[in-house]
Amino acid sequence: MPEQPVHVVANFTVQDAAKYREYEKGFFPILKKHGGEFITFDDNSVTFEGAVPPKGRIVMFKFPNQEAATAWYNDPDYQALSEHRRAGTTLNFLTMVHSIEPRN
């Protein structure tokens, strides 16, 4: 069975834009280092049903597999960089979502 890609979804509110910009500057090289691919972000998501998540930014990106996503998160360079995100935002969640094979 081939490895399945995973998606990472984050929801946070930016409290300090300057600190968050420091995070953004270093984010993409580390993401690419681990085979990650940016998908999108949205500051105005819409909830059709269920509890509305806290207002803030939703960010989505993708990795080729769970191992790559875990390596990205545990990368010492990423952990050092993420201190800027932690200092500049309130994180609601950072979640890995596993893909499944489509059913025929």
C-alpha atoms as a PDB file:
ATOM      1  CA  MET A   1       0.000   0.000   0.000  1.00  0.00           C
ATOM      2  CA  PRO A   2       1.521   3.370  -0.979  1.00  0.00           C
ATOM      3  CA  GLU A   3       2.082   5.999   1.659  1.00  0.00           C
ATOM      4  CA  GLN A   4      -0.759   8.464   1.936  1.00  0.00           C
ATOM      5  CA  PRO A   5      -0.294  12.211   2.107  1.00  0.00           C
ATOM      6  CA  VAL A   6      -1.289  14.132   5.203  1.00  0.00           C
ATOM      7  CA  HIS A   7      -2.588  17.647   5.591  1.00  0.00           C
ATOM      8  CA  VAL A   8      -1.825  20.013   8.426  1.00  0.00           C
ATOM      9  CA  VAL A   9      -4.455  22.535   9.452  1.00  0.00           C
ATOM     10  CA  ALA A  10      -3.757  25.390  11.842  1.00  0.00           C
ATOM     11  CA  ASN A  11      -6.086  27.958  13.376  1.00  0.00           C
ATOM     12  CA  PHE A  12      -4.698  30.945  15.216  1.00  0.00           C
ATOM     13  CA  THR A  13      -5.201  34.628  15.884  1.00  0.00           C
ATOM     14  CA  VAL A  14      -2.360  37.022  15.184  1.00  0.00           C
ATOM     15  CA  GLN A  15      -1.761  39.221  18.228  1.00  0.00           C
ATOM     16  CA  ASP A  16       1.593  40.722  17.206  1.00  0.00           C
ATOM     17  CA  ALA A  17       2.014  41.094  13.439  1.00  0.00           C
ATOM     18  CA  ALA A  18       5.748  41.901  13.598  1.00  0.00           C
ATOM     19  CA  LYS A  19       6.552  38.726  15.546  1.00  0.00           C
ATOM     20  CA  TYR A  20       4.351  36.660  13.271  1.00  0.00           C
ATOM     21  CA  ARG A  21       6.109  38.110  10.192  1.00  0.00           C
ATOM     22  CA  GLU A  22       9.403  36.776  11.557  1.00  0.00           C
ATOM     23  CA  TYR A  23       7.792  33.333  11.604  1.00  0.00           C
ATOM     24  CA  GLU A  24       6.428  33.724   8.076  1.00  0.00           C
ATOM     25  CA  LYS A  25       9.855  34.698   6.705  1.00  0.00           C
ATOM     26  CA  GLY A  26      11.408  31.393   7.732  1.00  0.00           C
ATOM     27  CA  PHE A  27       8.398  29.103   7.325  1.00  0.00           C
ATOM     28  CA  PHE A  28       8.508  28.205   3.628  1.00  0.00           C
ATOM     29  CA  PRO A  29      12.143  27.013   3.388  1.00  0.00           C
ATOM     30  CA  ILE A  30      11.624  24.632   6.317  1.00  0.00           C
ATOM     31  CA  LEU A  31       8.292  23.432   4.894  1.00  0.00           C
ATOM     32  CA  LYS A  32       9.945  22.661   1.532  1.00  0.00           C
ATOM     33  CA  LYS A  33      12.899  20.961   3.245  1.00  0.00           C
ATOM     34  CA  HIS A  34      10.458  18.292   4.455  1.00  0.00           C
ATOM     35  CA  GLY A  35       8.536  17.934   1.190  1.00  0.00           C
ATOM     36  CA  GLY A  36       5.713  20.153   2.393  1.00  0.00           C
ATOM     37  CA  GLU A  37       3.457  22.123   0.089  1.00  0.00           C
ATOM     38  CA  PHE A  38       1.477  25.220   1.052  1.00  0.00           C
ATOM     39  CA  ILE A  39      -2.196  24.950   0.073  1.00  0.00           C
ATOM     40  CA  THR A  40      -3.973  28.074   1.308  1.00  0.00           C
ATOM     41  CA  PHE A  41      -4.852  30.370   4.153  1.00  0.00           C
ATOM     42  CA  ASP A  42      -8.062  32.196   5.012  1.00  0.00           C
ATOM     43  CA  ASP A  43      -8.758  34.977   7.485  1.00  0.00           C
ATOM     44  CA  ASN A  44     -12.530  34.801   6.906  1.00  0.00           C
ATOM     45  CA  SER A  45     -13.544  31.134   6.824  1.00  0.00           C
ATOM     46  CA  VAL A  46     -17.250  30.250   6.859  1.00  0.00           C
ATOM     47  CA  THR A  47     -18.764  27.513   9.025  1.00  0.00           C
ATOM     48  CA  PHE A  48     -21.875  25.899   7.543  1.00  0.00           C
ATOM     49  CA  GLU A  49     -22.722  23.633  10.484  1.00  0.00           C
ATOM     50  CA  GLY A  50     -21.541  22.862  13.994  1.00  0.00           C
ATOM     51  CA  ALA A  51     -19.642  24.938  16.488  1.00  0.00           C
ATOM     52  CA  VAL A  52     -17.900  27.915  14.948  1.00  0.00           C
ATOM     53  CA  PRO A  53     -14.135  27.689  15.488  1.00  0.00           C
ATOM     54  CA  PRO A  54     -12.530  30.703  17.113  1.00  0.00           C
ATOM     55  CA  LYS A  55     -12.071  33.601  14.711  1.00  0.00           C
ATOM     56  CA  GLY A  56      -8.638  33.800  13.211  1.00  0.00           C
ATOM     57  CA  ARG A  57      -6.522  32.516  10.387  1.00  0.00           C
ATOM     58  CA  ILE A  58      -6.891  29.005   8.989  1.00  0.00           C
ATOM     59  CA  VAL A  59      -3.757  27.693   7.245  1.00  0.00           C
ATOM     60  CA  MET A  60      -3.553  24.423   5.296  1.00  0.00           C
ATOM     61  CA  PHE A  61      -0.504  22.634   3.950  1.00  0.00           C
ATOM     62  CA  LYS A  62       0.345  19.122   2.815  1.00  0.00           C
ATOM     63  CA  PHE A  63       3.149  16.581   3.255  1.00  0.00           C
ATOM     64  CA  PRO A  64       3.815  13.394   1.282  1.00  0.00           C
ATOM     65  CA  ASN A  65       3.337  11.275   4.428  1.00  0.00           C
ATOM     66  CA  GLN A  66       3.033  11.320   8.210  1.00  0.00           C
ATOM     67  CA  GLU A  67       6.771  10.826   8.689  1.00  0.00           C
ATOM     68  CA  ALA A  68       7.569  13.982   6.702  1.00  0.00           C
ATOM     69  CA  ALA A  69       5.021  16.024   8.670  1.00  0.00           C
ATOM     70  CA  THR A  70       6.378  14.740  11.973  1.00  0.00           C
ATOM     71  CA  ALA A  71       9.962  15.450  10.883  1.00  0.00           C
ATOM     72  CA  TRP A  72       8.936  19.002   9.929  1.00  0.00           C
ATOM     73  CA  TYR A  73       7.292  19.651  13.291  1.00  0.00           C
ATOM     74  CA  ASN A  74      10.193  18.138  15.251  1.00  0.00           C
ATOM     75  CA  ASP A  75      12.902  19.847  13.170  1.00  0.00           C
ATOM     76  CA  PRO A  76      15.015  21.945  15.582  1.00  0.00           C
ATOM     77  CA  ASP A  77      15.045  24.777  13.014  1.00  0.00           C
ATOM     78  CA  TYR A  78      11.248  24.750  12.904  1.00  0.00           C
ATOM     79  CA  GLN A  79      10.924  24.595  16.669  1.00  0.00           C
ATOM     80  CA  ALA A  80      13.252  27.592  17.014  1.00  0.00           C
ATOM     81  CA  LEU A  81      11.309  29.489  14.344  1.00  0.00           C
ATOM     82  CA  SER A  82       7.950  28.594  15.899  1.00  0.00           C
ATOM     83  CA  GLU A  83       8.869  30.599  18.984  1.00  0.00           C
ATOM     84  CA  HIS A  84       8.039  33.675  16.864  1.00  0.00           C
ATOM     85  CA  ARG A  85       4.599  32.211  16.106  1.00  0.00           C
ATOM     86  CA  ARG A  86       4.053  31.374  19.749  1.00  0.00           C
ATOM     87  CA  ALA A  87       5.055  34.901  20.770  1.00  0.00           C
ATOM     88  CA  GLY A  88       2.914  36.597  18.127  1.00  0.00           C
ATOM     89  CA  THR A  89      -0.245  34.488  17.995  1.00  0.00           C
ATOM     90  CA  THR A  90      -2.791  32.622  20.040  1.00  0.00           C
ATOM     91  CA  LEU A  91      -2.907  29.090  18.622  1.00  0.00           C
ATOM     92  CA  ASN A  92      -6.244  27.293  18.730  1.00  0.00           C
ATOM     93  CA  PHE A  93      -5.055  24.122  17.019  1.00  0.00           C
ATOM     94  CA  LEU A  94      -2.355  22.612  14.802  1.00  0.00           C
ATOM     95  CA  THR A  95      -3.738  19.317  13.532  1.00  0.00           C
ATOM     96  CA  MET A  96      -2.513  16.578  11.179  1.00  0.00           C
ATOM     97  CA  VAL A  97      -5.246  14.997   9.039  1.00  0.00           C
ATOM     98  CA  HIS A  98      -4.591  11.661   7.312  1.00  0.00           C
ATOM     99  CA  SER A  99      -5.718  11.156   3.726  1.00  0.00           C
ATOM    100  CA  ILE A 100      -7.545   8.019   2.698  1.00  0.00           C
ATOM    101  CA  GLU A 101      -7.671   6.204  -0.605  1.00  0.00           C
ATOM    102  CA  PRO A 102     -10.792   7.020  -2.579  1.00  0.00           C
ATOM    103  CA  ARG A 103     -13.342   4.231  -2.725  1.00  0.00           C
ATOM    104  CA  ASN A 104     -14.269   2.880  -6.120  1.00  0.00           C
END
